[in-house]
Amino acid sequence: MLPAGGLLRATDSSSTNSTRARRRACSIPGCAPSSPRDADPQGGTMGADRPLRVCLPIPKYPPVFSGMGIQIQRSLPFLSARGVEVTVLTHRLPRSFGSVLPETNRAVDRVLAYGVGRIATLWRVGQFRRYFETHRGIFDVLHCDMLGWEFLLNVRRLKSLGLPVIMEMVLLDGDDPVATSRERLGTFKLGFLKHVDAWVGISGAFLPRVLAAGIPRERFHLIYPGVEVGSYRPLTPDERTRTRARLGIPVDSRIVVSVGSVIRRKGIDRLLSAWTRIEPVRGRDLLLIVGPATAADGLSGPDLAFARTIHEAIRAPRLAGTIRLVGRAENVQEYIGAADVFLLLSRQEGLPIVSVEALAAGLPCVVSPLDGIDEIVLEGKTGFIVRDPDDPHAVAAVVTRLLDRPQERAALSARARAIALTRFSFDARADALASLYRQLASRGKPAGPE
């Protein structure tokens, strides 16, 4: 990342004089905030002596489970290959992770206080502000995936520091501007968001929300998430047999896989209802649920209470031995590759990245009718969209059909892989992001809201 000694770490106990810190930061070649930004009008790197530098704040980052955190982690080498260096600004690890080795990745700054409540939030607001004042002149662009008070109450200050601001939206009805406007103090929050220079949506379904909030169309950029098409790919029969054996899965079983935290938003209760209607046979049928499922995996509060009800439900006699809660896993691609059908019945998403990964692995997808899901699942071509995911009989009918028809699964598999290769590669995502970063950085100090 940055040259040795150049990146000043902001910590809770830091008493560093901000003026002295800025002088030290500005000793890095090309970082002096008073000098004009050096941008190649054709989209080249920022200056001849250093790459373009981006700070990316996000609440959860590996090892804390987060779909977008994993997405960012995997995109770093692709951006680096395009002359973009990213520093991730994130929360400290929660105590549930126990003793964890100190962060050695220079691309990650875990300096924001972990916790909920007003005191923790106000503490993070101050930490966020101090971090960017201390690092003034180091970053060229802020790409934010953290729509909280720590960002909202600092966005004007970030703009005054000459930092172009990008907000990425990943959860419809969660972090889009219309959803924000409906929250408590929504009008107040939306006023801050008008200072954002560019809005990135991982699905075209975000565009109407941006326009409805009065944000100009030209500030919206559709940039799909990426998938590692080399890791997520269809397995040969021999590879699948070996993978199932390695995972302790019966080689001849019919496998349905779902990936996501065991929380209500992910529709895990819907999965169990539908699986019951399938009338699974132990030893023949197996539902794999891959994702955080316990406090040790990072669940807490209402999410943990919900997960406990799921643990209890799968012990019912008619389901015993047909459902496996895998928990948090680093080898998600193996579980997807070992399966026959991918099932996702979420209640709320932006664009479910796990569905894209399933496509890349050649799995037919059965999904709930989320906004933008038709950008991934083409009805009858790469999978099926169940219009009423709360109807367990409807879900069970589609899943049973696919399990019973291997020829149909094979036809869907080929088309699914093709969609993933053409629309959801990390190369395409990195190209689009690098272009946007350079476009904003080359403008110099960004203008205020329109």
Protein backbone atom coordinates (compact mmCIF):
# COMPACT_ATOMS: atom_id res chain seq x y z
CA MET A 1 0.00 0.00 0.00
CA LEU A 2 1.46 3.36 1.03
CA PRO A 3 5.21 3.92 1.34
CA ALA A 4 6.70 2.82 4.66
CA GLY A 5 5.92 5.32 7.39
CA GLY A 6 3.59 7.29 5.15
CA LEU A 7 0.22 6.10 6.42
CA LEU A 8 -0.52 7.47 9.87
CA ARG A 9 -2.77 5.18 11.90
CA ALA A 10 -5.65 6.90 13.70
CA THR A 11 -6.39 5.24 17.05
CA ASP A 12 -8.69 5.91 19.99
CA SER A 13 -5.84 7.11 22.16
CA SER A 14 -4.10 9.15 19.47
CA SER A 15 -3.01 12.61 20.59
CA THR A 16 -1.11 13.38 17.40
CA ASN A 17 -1.07 17.05 16.51
CA SER A 18 -3.10 17.22 13.29
CA THR A 19 -0.94 19.93 11.74
CA ARG A 20 2.25 17.95 12.34
CA ALA A 21 0.53 14.80 11.05
CA ARG A 22 -0.51 16.55 7.86
CA ARG A 23 3.04 17.80 7.28
CA ARG A 24 4.33 14.26 7.69
CA ALA A 25 1.66 12.88 5.38
CA CYS A 26 2.45 15.54 2.80
CA SER A 27 6.08 14.42 2.71
CA ILE A 28 4.88 11.48 0.62
CA PRO A 29 5.57 12.31 -3.05
CA GLY A 30 2.45 13.55 -4.79
CA CYS A 31 0.37 13.86 -1.59
CA ALA A 32 0.63 17.58 -0.88
CA PRO A 33 -2.96 18.82 -0.61
CA SER A 34 -1.95 22.31 -1.70
CA SER A 35 -0.59 21.08 -5.03
CA PRO A 36 -2.96 20.58 -7.97
CA ARG A 37 -4.16 17.06 -8.64
CA ASP A 38 -2.14 15.49 -11.42
CA ALA A 39 -4.48 13.46 -13.59
CA ASP A 40 -3.99 12.07 -17.05
CA PRO A 41 -6.98 13.31 -19.10
CA GLN A 42 -6.99 9.96 -20.87
CA GLY A 43 -7.55 8.11 -17.58
CA GLY A 44 -3.95 7.36 -16.58
CA THR A 45 -2.66 6.98 -13.03
CA MET A 46 -2.54 9.92 -10.66
CA GLY A 47 0.88 11.37 -11.21
CA ALA A 48 4.00 9.67 -12.43
CA ASP A 49 5.25 8.70 -8.99
CA ARG A 50 2.29 7.00 -7.34
CA PRO A 51 -1.00 5.20 -7.99
CA LEU A 52 -4.43 6.59 -7.30
CA ARG A 53 -5.38 6.07 -3.64
CA VAL A 54 -8.88 5.27 -2.44
CA CYS A 55 -10.23 4.94 1.10
CA LEU A 56 -13.15 2.56 1.47
CA PRO A 57 -15.06 2.67 4.79
CA ILE A 58 -17.22 -0.39 5.53
CA PRO A 59 -18.74 -1.58 8.85
CA LYS A 60 -17.87 -5.29 8.48
CA TYR A 61 -14.78 -6.72 6.85
CA PRO A 62 -13.29 -10.23 6.99
CA PRO A 63 -12.89 -12.12 9.22
CA VAL A 64 -16.27 -10.60 10.21
CA PHE A 65 -18.77 -12.15 7.79
CA SER A 66 -20.12 -9.69 5.23
CA GLY A 67 -20.99 -10.38 1.62
CA MET A 68 -19.83 -6.93 0.54
CA GLY A 69 -16.74 -7.17 2.74
CA ILE A 70 -15.73 -10.36 0.95
CA GLN A 71 -16.50 -8.70 -2.38
CA ILE A 72 -14.17 -5.81 -1.54
CA GLN A 73 -11.44 -8.13 -0.28
CA ARG A 74 -11.49 -10.11 -3.51
CA SER A 75 -11.51 -6.99 -5.69
CA LEU A 76 -8.32 -5.48 -4.20
CA PRO A 77 -5.81 -7.27 -6.48
CA PHE A 78 -7.89 -6.42 -9.56
CA LEU A 79 -7.90 -2.73 -8.62
CA SER A 80 -4.20 -2.84 -7.78
CA ALA A 81 -3.50 -4.17 -11.27
CA ARG A 82 -5.19 -1.02 -12.59
CA GLY A 83 -3.08 1.37 -10.55
CA VAL A 84 -5.56 1.81 -7.69
CA GLU A 85 -4.55 1.24 -4.07
CA VAL A 86 -7.38 0.81 -1.57
CA THR A 87 -7.25 1.30 2.19
CA VAL A 88 -10.23 -0.26 3.97
CA LEU A 89 -11.43 1.66 7.03
CA THR A 90 -13.52 -0.55 9.29
CA HIS A 91 -14.61 -1.41 12.82
CA ARG A 92 -12.44 -3.20 15.30
CA LEU A 93 -13.16 -6.89 15.69
CA PRO A 94 -15.93 -7.79 18.17
CA ARG A 95 -15.00 -9.65 21.34
CA SER A 96 -16.74 -12.79 20.06
CA PHE A 97 -13.73 -13.36 17.81
CA GLY A 98 -11.59 -13.87 20.90
CA SER A 99 -7.84 -13.53 20.56
CA VAL A 100 -7.06 -12.53 16.99
CA LEU A 101 -3.63 -11.82 15.59
CA PRO A 102 -2.92 -8.11 15.04
CA GLU A 103 -3.86 -6.80 11.60
CA THR A 104 -0.88 -7.22 9.30
CA ASN A 105 -2.65 -6.28 6.08
CA ARG A 106 -1.57 -2.75 5.24
CA ALA A 107 -4.75 -2.38 3.18
CA VAL A 108 -6.91 -2.45 6.35
CA ASP A 109 -7.28 0.10 9.15
CA ARG A 110 -9.39 -1.35 12.00
CA VAL A 111 -9.70 1.82 14.04
CA LEU A 112 -13.44 2.49 14.42
CA ALA A 113 -15.00 1.49 17.74
CA TYR A 114 -17.20 -1.60 17.66
CA GLY A 115 -20.58 -1.44 19.33
CA VAL A 116 -24.15 -0.17 19.18
CA GLY A 117 -25.91 2.68 20.94
CA ARG A 118 -25.52 6.44 20.97
CA ILE A 119 -22.22 6.58 22.83
CA ALA A 120 -20.49 4.15 20.45
CA THR A 121 -21.96 5.97 17.44
CA LEU A 122 -20.84 9.40 18.62
CA TRP A 123 -17.40 8.00 19.38
CA ARG A 124 -17.15 6.68 15.80
CA VAL A 125 -18.27 10.04 14.40
CA GLY A 126 -15.25 11.64 16.06
CA GLN A 127 -12.91 8.83 15.04
CA PHE A 128 -14.08 9.05 11.43
CA ARG A 129 -13.46 12.81 11.33
CA ARG A 130 -10.03 12.60 12.96
CA TYR A 131 -8.98 9.81 10.62
CA PHE A 132 -9.50 11.87 7.49
CA GLU A 133 -8.11 15.07 8.98
CA THR A 134 -4.98 13.16 9.98
CA HIS A 135 -4.75 11.60 6.52
CA ARG A 136 -5.51 14.79 4.66
CA GLY A 137 -3.93 14.80 1.22
CA ILE A 138 -3.23 11.06 1.19
CA PHE A 139 -6.42 9.83 -0.47
CA ASP A 140 -7.76 10.88 -3.85
CA VAL A 141 -11.28 9.44 -3.50
CA LEU A 142 -13.57 8.20 -0.73
CA HIS A 143 -15.67 5.17 -1.75
CA CYS A 144 -18.10 4.65 1.12
CA ASP A 145 -20.04 1.50 1.95
CA MET A 146 -21.04 2.79 5.39
CA LEU A 147 -24.29 4.77 5.51
CA GLY A 148 -24.27 5.65 9.20
CA TRP A 149 -23.97 8.77 11.30
CA GLU A 150 -20.17 8.52 11.23
CA PHE A 151 -20.36 9.23 7.50
CA LEU A 152 -23.42 11.50 7.38
CA LEU A 153 -22.15 13.96 10.00
CA ASN A 154 -18.77 14.16 8.29
CA VAL A 155 -19.62 14.30 4.60
CA ARG A 156 -19.46 18.11 4.44
CA ARG A 157 -16.08 18.07 6.16
CA LEU A 158 -14.84 15.46 3.68
CA LYS A 159 -15.91 17.70 0.82
CA SER A 160 -14.15 20.69 2.41
CA LEU A 161 -10.97 18.60 2.46
CA GLY A 162 -11.28 18.28 -1.32
CA LEU A 163 -12.19 14.59 -1.22
CA PRO A 164 -14.65 13.34 -3.89
CA VAL A 165 -17.24 11.05 -2.30
CA ILE A 166 -18.82 7.89 -3.74
CA MET A 167 -21.66 6.08 -1.97
CA GLU A 168 -22.24 2.44 -2.95
CA MET A 169 -25.72 0.99 -2.43
CA VAL A 170 -25.95 -2.74 -1.78
CA LEU A 171 -29.27 -3.23 0.06
CA LEU A 172 -32.57 -2.11 -1.45
CA ASP A 173 -34.82 -0.48 1.16
CA GLY A 174 -31.73 -0.37 3.36
CA ASP A 175 -29.03 1.99 2.11
CA ASP A 176 -30.65 3.68 -0.88
CA PRO A 177 -31.60 7.38 -0.52
CA VAL A 178 -35.37 6.77 -0.53
CA ALA A 179 -35.07 4.28 2.33
CA THR A 180 -32.89 6.76 4.20
CA SER A 181 -35.44 9.55 3.71
CA ARG A 182 -38.12 7.38 5.36
CA GLU A 183 -36.08 6.84 8.51
CA ARG A 184 -36.28 8.96 11.62
CA LEU A 185 -34.66 12.31 10.77
CA GLY A 186 -34.78 11.16 7.15
CA THR A 187 -35.06 14.64 5.61
CA PHE A 188 -32.10 15.74 7.72
CA LYS A 189 -30.05 12.72 6.56
CA LEU A 190 -30.99 13.22 2.92
CA GLY A 191 -29.68 16.77 3.11
CA PHE A 192 -26.23 15.40 3.89
CA LEU A 193 -26.46 12.82 1.10
CA LYS A 194 -26.99 15.54 -1.50
CA HIS A 195 -23.26 16.22 -1.10
CA VAL A 196 -22.33 12.78 -2.48
CA ASP A 197 -20.63 13.09 -5.88
CA ALA A 198 -21.51 9.65 -7.28
CA TRP A 199 -23.93 6.87 -6.39
CA VAL A 200 -22.94 3.32 -7.32
CA GLY A 201 -25.69 0.70 -7.45
CA ILE A 202 -24.94 -3.01 -7.75
CA SER A 203 -28.28 -3.42 -9.52
CA GLY A 204 -30.32 -1.32 -11.93
CA ALA A 205 -33.14 -1.48 -9.37
CA PHE A 206 -31.37 1.28 -7.42
CA LEU A 207 -31.76 3.89 -10.18
CA PRO A 208 -35.46 4.68 -9.51
CA ARG A 209 -34.62 5.19 -5.82
CA VAL A 210 -31.88 7.66 -6.69
CA LEU A 211 -34.11 9.62 -9.06
CA ALA A 212 -37.01 9.64 -6.57
CA ALA A 213 -34.73 11.30 -4.03
CA GLY A 214 -34.06 14.16 -6.46
CA ILE A 215 -30.50 13.11 -7.26
CA PRO A 216 -29.43 13.85 -10.87
CA ARG A 217 -29.33 10.85 -13.22
CA GLU A 218 -25.72 11.50 -14.16
CA ARG A 219 -24.60 10.79 -10.60
CA PHE A 220 -25.80 7.17 -10.79
CA HIS A 221 -23.45 4.42 -11.96
CA LEU A 222 -24.47 0.78 -12.38
CA ILE A 223 -21.50 -1.41 -11.45
CA TYR A 224 -22.26 -5.08 -10.95
CA PRO A 225 -20.49 -7.14 -8.28
CA GLY A 226 -17.77 -9.50 -9.40
CA VAL A 227 -17.32 -13.22 -8.99
CA GLU A 228 -14.18 -15.34 -9.12
CA VAL A 229 -15.12 -17.37 -12.15
CA GLY A 230 -12.02 -19.53 -11.69
CA SER A 231 -13.02 -20.60 -8.18
CA TYR A 232 -16.76 -20.72 -8.83
CA ARG A 233 -17.12 -23.03 -11.81
CA PRO A 234 -18.96 -26.22 -12.74
CA LEU A 235 -17.19 -29.31 -11.40
CA THR A 236 -16.59 -32.43 -13.43
CA PRO A 237 -18.29 -35.59 -12.11
CA ASP A 238 -14.99 -36.79 -10.62
CA GLU A 239 -14.30 -33.40 -9.00
CA ARG A 240 -17.76 -33.30 -7.50
CA THR A 241 -17.40 -36.81 -6.09
CA ARG A 242 -14.09 -35.90 -4.46
CA THR A 243 -15.48 -32.60 -3.15
CA ARG A 244 -18.50 -34.27 -1.59
CA ALA A 245 -16.29 -36.89 0.04
CA ARG A 246 -14.01 -34.17 1.42
CA LEU A 247 -17.00 -32.29 2.87
CA GLY A 248 -18.51 -35.43 4.36
CA ILE A 249 -21.53 -35.32 2.05
CA PRO A 250 -23.04 -38.57 0.73
CA VAL A 251 -21.80 -38.90 -2.84
CA ASP A 252 -25.16 -39.94 -4.30
CA SER A 253 -27.35 -37.47 -2.39
CA ARG A 254 -29.50 -34.77 -3.98
CA ILE A 255 -28.04 -31.55 -2.59
CA VAL A 256 -29.70 -28.15 -2.27
CA VAL A 257 -27.49 -25.32 -1.00
CA SER A 258 -28.29 -21.87 0.39
CA VAL A 259 -25.66 -19.34 1.42
CA GLY A 260 -26.24 -16.55 3.92
CA SER A 261 -26.38 -15.73 7.60
CA VAL A 262 -29.03 -17.59 9.59
CA ILE A 263 -31.13 -14.45 10.10
CA ARG A 264 -34.71 -13.58 9.27
CA ARG A 265 -33.80 -11.22 6.42
CA LYS A 266 -32.21 -14.13 4.59
CA GLY A 267 -35.48 -16.10 4.74
CA ILE A 268 -34.04 -19.16 6.46
CA ASP A 269 -37.45 -19.88 8.01
CA ARG A 270 -38.89 -19.97 4.48
CA LEU A 271 -36.23 -22.52 3.52
CA LEU A 272 -37.24 -24.85 6.33
CA SER A 273 -40.94 -24.58 5.52
CA ALA A 274 -40.33 -25.43 1.87
CA TRP A 275 -37.91 -28.24 2.73
CA THR A 276 -40.54 -29.82 4.95
CA ARG A 277 -43.00 -29.88 2.02
CA ILE A 278 -40.40 -31.60 -0.17
CA GLU A 279 -40.59 -34.50 2.32
CA PRO A 280 -36.84 -35.14 2.26
CA VAL A 281 -35.53 -38.65 2.77
CA ARG A 282 -32.55 -39.05 5.07
CA GLY A 283 -29.54 -40.28 3.12
CA ARG A 284 -31.04 -39.18 -0.20
CA ASP A 285 -31.81 -35.46 0.25
CA LEU A 286 -29.70 -32.84 2.01
CA LEU A 287 -30.13 -29.08 2.49
CA LEU A 288 -26.88 -27.23 3.21
CA ILE A 289 -27.15 -23.78 4.82
CA VAL A 290 -23.75 -22.08 4.67
CA GLY A 291 -23.25 -18.94 6.73
CA PRO A 292 -22.97 -17.58 10.29
CA ALA A 293 -25.33 -19.50 12.58
CA THR A 294 -24.06 -18.96 16.15
CA ALA A 295 -22.68 -16.32 18.49
CA ALA A 296 -19.19 -17.64 17.72
CA ASP A 297 -19.86 -16.78 14.07
CA GLY A 298 -20.70 -13.18 15.04
CA LEU A 299 -24.50 -13.30 15.45
CA SER A 300 -26.03 -11.32 18.31
CA GLY A 301 -29.29 -9.83 19.57
CA PRO A 302 -32.44 -10.62 17.55
CA ASP A 303 -30.37 -12.39 14.87
CA LEU A 304 -28.97 -14.82 17.42
CA ALA A 305 -32.43 -15.44 18.90
CA PHE A 306 -33.75 -16.22 15.41
CA ALA A 307 -30.84 -18.58 14.72
CA ARG A 308 -31.61 -20.50 17.91
CA THR A 309 -35.18 -21.12 16.70
CA ILE A 310 -33.74 -22.52 13.47
CA HIS A 311 -31.37 -24.82 15.37
CA GLU A 312 -34.35 -26.11 17.33
CA ALA A 313 -36.53 -26.56 14.22
CA ILE A 314 -34.05 -28.72 12.32
CA ARG A 315 -34.06 -31.22 15.18
CA ALA A 316 -37.68 -32.11 14.39
CA PRO A 317 -37.99 -35.85 13.59
CA ARG A 318 -39.15 -35.31 10.01
CA LEU A 319 -36.14 -33.09 9.24
CA ALA A 320 -33.47 -34.88 11.26
CA GLY A 321 -30.44 -35.74 9.17
CA THR A 322 -31.64 -33.82 6.09
CA ILE A 323 -30.41 -30.30 6.98
CA ARG A 324 -26.88 -29.25 7.83
CA LEU A 325 -26.07 -25.83 9.27
CA VAL A 326 -22.49 -25.48 8.07
CA GLY A 327 -21.82 -22.17 9.80
CA ARG A 328 -19.28 -19.64 8.65
CA ALA A 329 -17.03 -21.22 6.00
CA GLU A 330 -14.01 -20.09 4.02
CA ASN A 331 -14.61 -22.69 1.29
CA VAL A 332 -18.08 -21.60 0.19
CA GLN A 333 -17.22 -22.41 -3.43
CA GLU A 334 -16.82 -26.09 -2.52
CA TYR A 335 -20.28 -26.31 -0.98
CA ILE A 336 -21.80 -24.57 -4.01
CA GLY A 337 -19.85 -26.78 -6.41
CA ALA A 338 -20.98 -29.93 -4.61
CA ALA A 339 -24.69 -29.04 -4.88
CA ASP A 340 -27.37 -29.68 -7.49
CA VAL A 341 -29.63 -26.65 -6.90
CA PHE A 342 -29.13 -23.21 -5.32
CA LEU A 343 -31.99 -21.85 -3.20
CA LEU A 344 -32.27 -18.28 -1.88
CA LEU A 345 -35.50 -17.00 -0.34
CA SER A 346 -34.29 -13.68 1.09
CA ARG A 347 -36.75 -10.98 2.10
CA GLN A 348 -34.38 -8.11 1.31
CA GLU A 349 -31.22 -7.78 -0.78
CA GLY A 350 -29.51 -5.42 -3.18
CA LEU A 351 -28.17 -7.88 -5.70
CA PRO A 352 -27.39 -11.19 -3.96
CA ILE A 353 -23.76 -11.90 -4.78
CA VAL A 354 -24.13 -15.53 -3.71
CA SER A 355 -26.63 -16.01 -6.53
CA VAL A 356 -24.03 -14.73 -8.99
CA GLU A 357 -21.51 -17.19 -7.54
CA ALA A 358 -24.04 -19.99 -7.96
CA LEU A 359 -24.54 -18.98 -11.59
CA ALA A 360 -20.78 -19.08 -12.18
CA ALA A 361 -20.71 -22.59 -10.69
CA GLY A 362 -23.41 -23.60 -13.14
CA LEU A 363 -26.12 -24.14 -10.53
CA PRO A 364 -29.75 -23.51 -11.46
CA CYS A 365 -31.12 -20.92 -9.03
CA VAL A 366 -34.49 -20.83 -7.27
CA VAL A 367 -34.99 -17.39 -5.74
CA SER A 368 -37.53 -15.02 -4.22
CA PRO A 369 -38.82 -12.08 -6.32
CA LEU A 370 -36.34 -9.47 -5.13
CA ASP A 371 -36.05 -6.16 -6.98
CA GLY A 372 -33.35 -6.56 -9.61
CA ILE A 373 -33.19 -10.36 -9.32
CA ASP A 374 -34.16 -10.68 -12.98
CA GLU A 375 -30.73 -9.22 -13.81
CA ILE A 376 -29.31 -12.51 -12.49
CA VAL A 377 -31.97 -15.18 -12.82
CA LEU A 378 -33.59 -15.39 -16.24
CA GLU A 379 -36.88 -17.21 -15.76
CA GLY A 380 -36.69 -20.70 -17.22
CA LYS A 381 -33.21 -20.07 -18.63
CA THR A 382 -30.88 -19.86 -15.63
CA GLY A 383 -33.39 -20.69 -12.91
CA PHE A 384 -36.79 -19.80 -11.51
CA ILE A 385 -38.24 -16.89 -9.53
CA VAL A 386 -40.90 -18.04 -7.06
CA ARG A 387 -43.45 -15.25 -7.00
CA ASP A 388 -44.72 -16.12 -3.52
CA PRO A 389 -41.77 -17.34 -1.45
CA ASP A 390 -44.04 -17.57 1.60
CA ASP A 391 -45.92 -20.39 -0.14
CA PRO A 392 -43.83 -23.44 0.82
CA HIS A 393 -45.72 -25.66 -1.62
CA ALA A 394 -44.80 -23.40 -4.56
CA VAL A 395 -41.13 -23.38 -3.58
CA ALA A 396 -41.10 -27.13 -2.97
CA ALA A 397 -42.65 -27.81 -6.38
CA VAL A 398 -39.91 -25.94 -8.25
CA VAL A 399 -37.06 -27.44 -6.21
CA THR A 400 -38.47 -30.97 -6.55
CA ARG A 401 -38.83 -30.52 -10.30
CA LEU A 402 -35.16 -29.59 -10.65
CA LEU A 403 -33.97 -32.39 -8.38
CA ASP A 404 -35.98 -34.91 -10.40
CA ARG A 405 -34.82 -33.66 -13.83
CA PRO A 406 -31.02 -33.78 -14.26
CA GLN A 407 -31.29 -33.01 -17.99
CA GLU A 408 -33.12 -29.75 -17.28
CA ARG A 409 -30.53 -28.86 -14.64
CA ALA A 410 -27.75 -29.39 -17.19
CA ALA A 411 -29.40 -27.07 -19.72
CA LEU A 412 -29.89 -24.34 -17.10
CA SER A 413 -26.30 -24.82 -15.92
CA ALA A 414 -24.70 -23.94 -19.26
CA ARG A 415 -26.71 -20.73 -19.63
CA ALA A 416 -26.08 -19.75 -15.99
CA ARG A 417 -22.32 -19.97 -16.45
CA ALA A 418 -22.45 -17.85 -19.61
CA ILE A 419 -24.34 -15.04 -17.83
CA ALA A 420 -21.79 -14.96 -15.01
CA LEU A 421 -18.85 -14.77 -17.40
CA THR A 422 -20.23 -11.91 -19.46
CA ARG A 423 -21.81 -9.70 -16.79
CA PHE A 424 -20.27 -10.38 -13.38
CA SER A 425 -16.49 -10.61 -13.67
CA PHE A 426 -14.09 -8.86 -11.28
CA ASP A 427 -12.24 -7.50 -14.30
CA ALA A 428 -15.37 -5.69 -15.48
CA ARG A 429 -16.07 -4.34 -11.98
CA ALA A 430 -12.49 -3.16 -11.48
CA ASP A 431 -12.46 -1.46 -14.90
CA ALA A 432 -15.66 0.44 -14.08
CA LEU A 433 -14.53 1.47 -10.60
CA ALA A 434 -11.06 2.57 -11.71
CA SER A 435 -12.61 4.68 -14.46
CA LEU A 436 -15.02 6.33 -12.00
CA TYR A 437 -12.27 6.97 -9.45
CA ARG A 438 -10.11 8.73 -12.03
CA GLN A 439 -13.02 10.70 -13.39
CA LEU A 440 -13.81 12.11 -9.94
CA ALA A 441 -10.19 12.59 -8.84
CA SER A 442 -9.34 14.51 -12.00
CA ARG A 443 -11.96 17.16 -11.21
CA GLY A 444 -9.99 18.47 -8.26
CA LYS A 445 -12.06 19.83 -5.39
CA PRO A 446 -15.64 18.64 -5.94
CA ALA A 447 -18.55 21.04 -6.17
CA GLY A 448 -21.34 21.28 -3.63
CA PRO A 449 -24.84 19.86 -4.04
CA GLU A 450 -26.96 20.99 -6.93
